[in-house]
Amino acid sequence: MQITLNGKRTEEYGYALPVSSLLDQLGLTGQPVLVELDGIALHPREHAETTITEGAVVEIIRIAAGG
């Protein structure tokens, strides 16, 4: 399956998967992140029920406190 992840095309994922699984594979489970799928921002409660499919464009932004 080919997707665009943070601006880079990748074929690392061989099948459709929930957003929560992608976050787990990237080591981002439990961290504050903003996920945008095909131009739509997802609420964290939607991560488990929203599936990433072929050709999807995914943007993940880690939220960090700082000054």
PDB file of N, CA and C in Angstrom:
ATOM      1  N   MET A   1       0.851  -1.172   0.000  1.00  0.00           N
ATOM      2  CA  MET A   1       0.000   0.000   0.000  1.00  0.00           C
ATOM      3  C   MET A   1       0.897   1.236   0.000  1.00  0.00           C
ATOM      4  N   GLN A   2       0.637   2.156  -0.884  1.00  0.00           N
ATOM      5  CA  GLN A   2       1.409   3.388  -0.954  1.00  0.00           C
ATOM      6  C   GLN A   2       0.621   4.523  -0.319  1.00  0.00           C
ATOM      7  N   ILE A   3       1.287   5.227   0.614  1.00  0.00           N
ATOM      8  CA  ILE A   3       0.690   6.409   1.233  1.00  0.00           C
ATOM      9  C   ILE A   3       1.745   7.512   1.237  1.00  0.00           C
ATOM     10  N   THR A   4       1.296   8.727   1.504  1.00  0.00           N
ATOM     11  CA  THR A   4       2.219   9.839   1.709  1.00  0.00           C
ATOM     12  C   THR A   4       2.159  10.178   3.184  1.00  0.00           C
ATOM     13  N   LEU A   5       3.300  10.049   3.846  1.00  0.00           N
ATOM     14  CA  LEU A   5       3.387  10.282   5.290  1.00  0.00           C
ATOM     15  C   LEU A   5       4.307  11.471   5.526  1.00  0.00           C
ATOM     16  N   ASN A   6       3.758  12.541   6.049  1.00  0.00           N
ATOM     17  CA  ASN A   6       4.506  13.774   6.301  1.00  0.00           C
ATOM     18  C   ASN A   6       5.296  14.210   5.070  1.00  0.00           C
ATOM     19  N   GLY A   7       4.632  14.182   3.919  1.00  0.00           N
ATOM     20  CA  GLY A   7       5.222  14.678   2.693  1.00  0.00           C
ATOM     21  C   GLY A   7       6.092  13.707   1.916  1.00  0.00           C
ATOM     22  N   LYS A   8       6.294  12.480   2.439  1.00  0.00           N
ATOM     23  CA  LYS A   8       7.140  11.505   1.757  1.00  0.00           C
ATOM     24  C   LYS A   8       6.325  10.284   1.381  1.00  0.00           C
ATOM     25  N   ARG A   9       6.432   9.872   0.126  1.00  0.00           N
ATOM     26  CA  ARG A   9       5.749   8.648  -0.321  1.00  0.00           C
ATOM     27  C   ARG A   9       6.430   7.444   0.309  1.00  0.00           C
ATOM     28  N   THR A  10       5.623   6.503   0.759  1.00  0.00           N
ATOM     29  CA  THR A  10       6.165   5.292   1.365  1.00  0.00           C
ATOM     30  C   THR A  10       5.314   4.094   0.992  1.00  0.00           C
ATOM     31  N   GLU A  11       5.949   2.952   0.902  1.00  0.00           N
ATOM     32  CA  GLU A  11       5.245   1.702   0.658  1.00  0.00           C
ATOM     33  C   GLU A  11       5.556   0.704   1.770  1.00  0.00           C
ATOM     34  N   GLU A  12       5.883   1.212   2.950  1.00  0.00           N
ATOM     35  CA  GLU A  12       6.253   0.372   4.086  1.00  0.00           C
ATOM     36  C   GLU A  12       5.080  -0.404   4.671  1.00  0.00           C
ATOM     37  N   TYR A  13       3.881   0.007   4.334  1.00  0.00           N
ATOM     38  CA  TYR A  13       2.700  -0.603   4.926  1.00  0.00           C
ATOM     39  C   TYR A  13       1.991  -1.413   3.850  1.00  0.00           C
ATOM     40  N   GLY A  14       1.871  -2.711   4.065  1.00  0.00           N
ATOM     41  CA  GLY A  14       1.358  -3.604   3.044  1.00  0.00           C
ATOM     42  C   GLY A  14      -0.151  -3.738   3.004  1.00  0.00           C
ATOM     43  N   TYR A  15      -0.848  -3.087   3.902  1.00  0.00           N
ATOM     44  CA  TYR A  15      -2.293  -3.266   3.997  1.00  0.00           C
ATOM     45  C   TYR A  15      -2.924  -2.048   4.655  1.00  0.00           C
ATOM     46  N   ALA A  16      -4.223  -1.880   4.466  1.00  0.00           N
ATOM     47  CA  ALA A  16      -4.944  -0.802   5.141  1.00  0.00           C
ATOM     48  C   ALA A  16      -4.834  -1.009   6.647  1.00  0.00           C
ATOM     49  N   LEU A  17      -4.688   0.081   7.387  1.00  0.00           N
ATOM     50  CA  LEU A  17      -4.547  -0.047   8.830  1.00  0.00           C
ATOM     51  C   LEU A  17      -5.175   1.144   9.531  1.00  0.00           C
ATOM     52  N   PRO A  18      -5.618   0.932  10.771  1.00  0.00           N
ATOM     53  CA  PRO A  18      -6.180   2.040  11.539  1.00  0.00           C
ATOM     54  C   PRO A  18      -5.087   3.059  11.881  1.00  0.00           C
ATOM     55  N   VAL A  19      -5.483   4.297  12.030  1.00  0.00           N
ATOM     56  CA  VAL A  19      -4.541   5.349  12.405  1.00  0.00           C
ATOM     57  C   VAL A  19      -3.809   4.963  13.693  1.00  0.00           C
ATOM     58  N   SER A  20      -4.512   4.385  14.639  1.00  0.00           N
ATOM     59  CA  SER A  20      -3.889   3.997  15.914  1.00  0.00           C
ATOM     60  C   SER A  20      -2.756   2.992  15.709  1.00  0.00           C
ATOM     61  N   SER A  21      -2.897   2.097  14.748  1.00  0.00           N
ATOM     62  CA  SER A  21      -1.826   1.124  14.451  1.00  0.00           C
ATOM     63  C   SER A  21      -0.611   1.819  13.860  1.00  0.00           C
ATOM     64  N   LEU A  22      -0.839   2.782  12.983  1.00  0.00           N
ATOM     65  CA  LEU A  22       0.277   3.535  12.415  1.00  0.00           C
ATOM     66  C   LEU A  22       1.018   4.282  13.519  1.00  0.00           C
ATOM     67  N   LEU A  23       0.280   4.930  14.407  1.00  0.00           N
ATOM     68  CA  LEU A  23       0.915   5.643  15.517  1.00  0.00           C
ATOM     69  C   LEU A  23       1.731   4.690  16.383  1.00  0.00           C
ATOM     70  N   ASP A  24       1.206   3.492  16.619  1.00  0.00           N
ATOM     71  CA  ASP A  24       1.923   2.485  17.395  1.00  0.00           C
ATOM     72  C   ASP A  24       3.220   2.090  16.687  1.00  0.00           C
ATOM     73  N   GLN A  25       3.152   1.847  15.389  1.00  0.00           N
ATOM     74  CA  GLN A  25       4.343   1.450  14.623  1.00  0.00           C
ATOM     75  C   GLN A  25       5.400   2.555  14.600  1.00  0.00           C
ATOM     76  N   LEU A  26       4.953   3.793  14.679  1.00  0.00           N
ATOM     77  CA  LEU A  26       5.878   4.920  14.684  1.00  0.00           C
ATOM     78  C   LEU A  26       6.367   5.278  16.087  1.00  0.00           C
ATOM     79  N   GLY A  27       5.901   4.561  17.108  1.00  0.00           N
ATOM     80  CA  GLY A  27       6.304   4.821  18.486  1.00  0.00           C
ATOM     81  C   GLY A  27       5.664   6.064  19.074  1.00  0.00           C
ATOM     82  N   LEU A  28       4.485   6.429  18.584  1.00  0.00           N
ATOM     83  CA  LEU A  28       3.815   7.637  19.045  1.00  0.00           C
ATOM     84  C   LEU A  28       2.593   7.369  19.907  1.00  0.00           C
ATOM     85  N   THR A  29       2.358   6.120  20.286  1.00  0.00           N
ATOM     86  CA  THR A  29       1.213   5.791  21.121  1.00  0.00           C
ATOM     87  C   THR A  29       1.337   6.498  22.467  1.00  0.00           C
ATOM     88  N   GLY A  30       0.264   7.147  22.883  1.00  0.00           N
ATOM     89  CA  GLY A  30       0.244   7.828  24.179  1.00  0.00           C
ATOM     90  C   GLY A  30       0.844   9.220  24.158  1.00  0.00           C
ATOM     91  N   GLN A  31       1.399   9.634  23.029  1.00  0.00           N
ATOM     92  CA  GLN A  31       1.967  10.969  22.934  1.00  0.00           C
ATOM     93  C   GLN A  31       0.937  11.921  22.329  1.00  0.00           C
ATOM     94  N   PRO A  32       0.991  13.192  22.717  1.00  0.00           N
ATOM     95  CA  PRO A  32       0.043  14.140  22.132  1.00  0.00           C
ATOM     96  C   PRO A  32       0.423  14.429  20.675  1.00  0.00           C
ATOM     97  N   VAL A  33      -0.463  14.070  19.770  1.00  0.00           N
ATOM     98  CA  VAL A  33      -0.213  14.289  18.347  1.00  0.00           C
ATOM     99  C   VAL A  33      -1.482  14.825  17.681  1.00  0.00           C
ATOM    100  N   LEU A  34      -1.283  15.503  16.583  1.00  0.00           N
ATOM    101  CA  LEU A  34      -2.379  15.903  15.715  1.00  0.00           C
ATOM    102  C   LEU A  34      -2.224  15.086  14.447  1.00  0.00           C
ATOM    103  N   VAL A  35      -3.278  14.393  14.050  1.00  0.00           N
ATOM    104  CA  VAL A  35      -3.244  13.581  12.837  1.00  0.00           C
ATOM    105  C   VAL A  35      -4.235  14.159  11.837  1.00  0.00           C
ATOM    106  N   GLU A  36      -3.734  14.373  10.623  1.00  0.00           N
ATOM    107  CA  GLU A  36      -4.579  14.841   9.529  1.00  0.00           C
ATOM    108  C   GLU A  36      -4.565  13.756   8.459  1.00  0.00           C
ATOM    109  N   LEU A  37      -5.731  13.322   8.040  1.00  0.00           N
ATOM    110  CA  LEU A  37      -5.866  12.286   7.022  1.00  0.00           C
ATOM    111  C   LEU A  37      -6.609  12.875   5.840  1.00  0.00           C
ATOM    112  N   ASP A  38      -5.927  12.935   4.707  1.00  0.00           N
ATOM    113  CA  ASP A  38      -6.511  13.499   3.485  1.00  0.00           C
ATOM    114  C   ASP A  38      -7.121  14.875   3.717  1.00  0.00           C
ATOM    115  N   GLY A  39      -6.400  15.701   4.479  1.00  0.00           N
ATOM    116  CA  GLY A  39      -6.824  17.080   4.693  1.00  0.00           C
ATOM    117  C   GLY A  39      -7.814  17.299   5.812  1.00  0.00           C
ATOM    118  N   ILE A  40      -8.176  16.242   6.529  1.00  0.00           N
ATOM    119  CA  ILE A  40      -9.148  16.356   7.619  1.00  0.00           C
ATOM    120  C   ILE A  40      -8.469  16.000   8.941  1.00  0.00           C
ATOM    121  N   ALA A  41      -8.507  16.926   9.894  1.00  0.00           N
ATOM    122  CA  ALA A  41      -7.936  16.675  11.216  1.00  0.00           C
ATOM    123  C   ALA A  41      -8.819  15.691  11.964  1.00  0.00           C
ATOM    124  N   LEU A  42      -8.182  14.716  12.615  1.00  0.00           N
ATOM    125  CA  LEU A  42      -8.917  13.697  13.360  1.00  0.00           C
ATOM    126  C   LEU A  42      -8.855  13.970  14.854  1.00  0.00           C
ATOM    127  N   HIS A  43      -9.951  13.735  15.529  1.00  0.00           N
ATOM    128  CA  HIS A  43      -9.981  13.785  16.982  1.00  0.00           C
ATOM    129  C   HIS A  43      -9.315  12.504  17.485  1.00  0.00           C
ATOM    130  N   PRO A  44      -8.578  12.548  18.581  1.00  0.00           N
ATOM    131  CA  PRO A  44      -7.906  11.340  19.071  1.00  0.00           C
ATOM    132  C   PRO A  44      -8.825  10.122  19.231  1.00  0.00           C
ATOM    133  N   ARG A  45     -10.081  10.333  19.575  1.00  0.00           N
ATOM    134  CA  ARG A  45     -10.987   9.197  19.733  1.00  0.00           C
ATOM    135  C   ARG A  45     -11.296   8.530  18.388  1.00  0.00           C
ATOM    136  N   GLU A  46     -10.995   9.207  17.274  1.00  0.00           N
ATOM    137  CA  GLU A  46     -11.225   8.641  15.945  1.00  0.00           C
ATOM    138  C   GLU A  46     -10.051   7.789  15.439  1.00  0.00           C
ATOM    139  N   HIS A  47      -8.921   7.820  16.124  1.00  0.00           N
ATOM    140  CA  HIS A  47      -7.730   7.118  15.661  1.00  0.00           C
ATOM    141  C   HIS A  47      -7.948   5.613  15.509  1.00  0.00           C
ATOM    142  N   ALA A  48      -8.663   5.004  16.425  1.00  0.00           N
ATOM    143  CA  ALA A  48      -8.865   3.550  16.380  1.00  0.00           C
ATOM    144  C   ALA A  48      -9.870   3.139  15.316  1.00  0.00           C
ATOM    145  N   GLU A  49     -10.787   4.017  14.972  1.00  0.00           N
ATOM    146  CA  GLU A  49     -11.859   3.639  14.044  1.00  0.00           C
ATOM    147  C   GLU A  49     -11.661   4.161  12.624  1.00  0.00           C
ATOM    148  N   THR A  50     -10.613   4.959  12.398  1.00  0.00           N
ATOM    149  CA  THR A  50     -10.360   5.528  11.073  1.00  0.00           C
ATOM    150  C   THR A  50      -9.252   4.739  10.388  1.00  0.00           C
ATOM    151  N   THR A  51      -9.529   4.269   9.173  1.00  0.00           N
ATOM    152  CA  THR A  51      -8.584   3.415   8.441  1.00  0.00           C
ATOM    153  C   THR A  51      -7.841   4.207   7.374  1.00  0.00           C
ATOM    154  N   ILE A  52      -6.543   3.973   7.322  1.00  0.00           N
ATOM    155  CA  ILE A  52      -5.692   4.555   6.278  1.00  0.00           C
ATOM    156  C   ILE A  52      -5.676   3.562   5.122  1.00  0.00           C
ATOM    157  N   THR A  53      -5.992   4.041   3.923  1.00  0.00           N
ATOM    158  CA  THR A  53      -6.062   3.170   2.759  1.00  0.00           C
ATOM    159  C   THR A  53      -5.092   3.643   1.675  1.00  0.00           C
ATOM    160  N   GLU A  54      -5.003   2.867   0.616  1.00  0.00           N
ATOM    161  CA  GLU A  54      -4.130   3.150  -0.520  1.00  0.00           C
ATOM    162  C   GLU A  54      -4.271   4.594  -0.987  1.00  0.00           C
ATOM    163  N   GLY A  55      -3.123   5.256  -1.160  1.00  0.00           N
ATOM    164  CA  GLY A  55      -3.100   6.618  -1.676  1.00  0.00           C
ATOM    165  C   GLY A  55      -3.376   7.708  -0.670  1.00  0.00           C
ATOM    166  N   ALA A  56      -3.582   7.350   0.588  1.00  0.00           N
ATOM    167  CA  ALA A  56      -3.895   8.340   1.621  1.00  0.00           C
ATOM    168  C   ALA A  56      -2.724   9.297   1.841  1.00  0.00           C
ATOM    169  N   VAL A  57      -3.070  10.502   2.247  1.00  0.00           N
ATOM    170  CA  VAL A  57      -2.077  11.504   2.632  1.00  0.00           C
ATOM    171  C   VAL A  57      -2.240  11.724   4.134  1.00  0.00           C
ATOM    172  N   VAL A  58      -1.196  11.387   4.878  1.00  0.00           N
ATOM    173  CA  VAL A  58      -1.238  11.458   6.341  1.00  0.00           C
ATOM    174  C   VAL A  58      -0.189  12.457   6.822  1.00  0.00           C
ATOM    175  N   GLU A  59      -0.604  13.376   7.659  1.00  0.00           N
ATOM    176  CA  GLU A  59       0.308  14.311   8.308  1.00  0.00           C
ATOM    177  C   GLU A  59       0.191  14.095   9.806  1.00  0.00           C
ATOM    178  N   ILE A  60       1.314  13.931  10.471  1.00  0.00           N
ATOM    179  CA  ILE A  60       1.330  13.728  11.921  1.00  0.00           C
ATOM    180  C   ILE A  60       2.226  14.807  12.526  1.00  0.00           C
ATOM    181  N   ILE A  61       1.663  15.545  13.466  1.00  0.00           N
ATOM    182  CA  ILE A  61       2.412  16.602  14.152  1.00  0.00           C
ATOM    183  C   ILE A  61       2.451  16.281  15.634  1.00  0.00           C
ATOM    184  N   ARG A  62       3.659  16.177  16.166  1.00  0.00           N
ATOM    185  CA  ARG A  62       3.806  15.964  17.609  1.00  0.00           C
ATOM    186  C   ARG A  62       3.641  17.278  18.317  1.00  0.00           C
ATOM    187  N   ILE A  63       2.855  17.273  19.376  1.00  0.00           N
ATOM    188  CA  ILE A  63       2.612  18.481  20.156  1.00  0.00           C
ATOM    189  C   ILE A  63       3.574  18.477  21.337  1.00  0.00           C
ATOM    190  N   ALA A  64       4.356  19.554  21.456  1.00  0.00           N
ATOM    191  CA  ALA A  64       5.324  19.635  22.532  1.00  0.00           C
ATOM    192  C   ALA A  64       5.255  21.008  23.191  1.00  0.00           C
ATOM    193  N   ALA A  65       5.364  21.017  24.490  1.00  0.00           N
ATOM    194  CA  ALA A  65       5.386  22.281  25.222  1.00  0.00           C
ATOM    195  C   ALA A  65       6.794  22.871  25.101  1.00  0.00           C
ATOM    196  N   GLY A  66       6.852  24.122  25.149  1.00  0.00           N
ATOM    197  CA  GLY A  66       8.170  24.743  25.062  1.00  0.00           C
ATOM    198  C   GLY A  66       8.033  26.251  25.101  1.00  0.00           C
ATOM    199  N   GLY A  67       9.139  26.884  24.985  1.00  0.00           N
ATOM    200  CA  GLY A  67       9.078  28.324  25.052  1.00  0.00           C
ATOM    201  C   GLY A  67      10.067  28.957  24.134  1.00  0.00           C
TER     202      GLY A  67
END
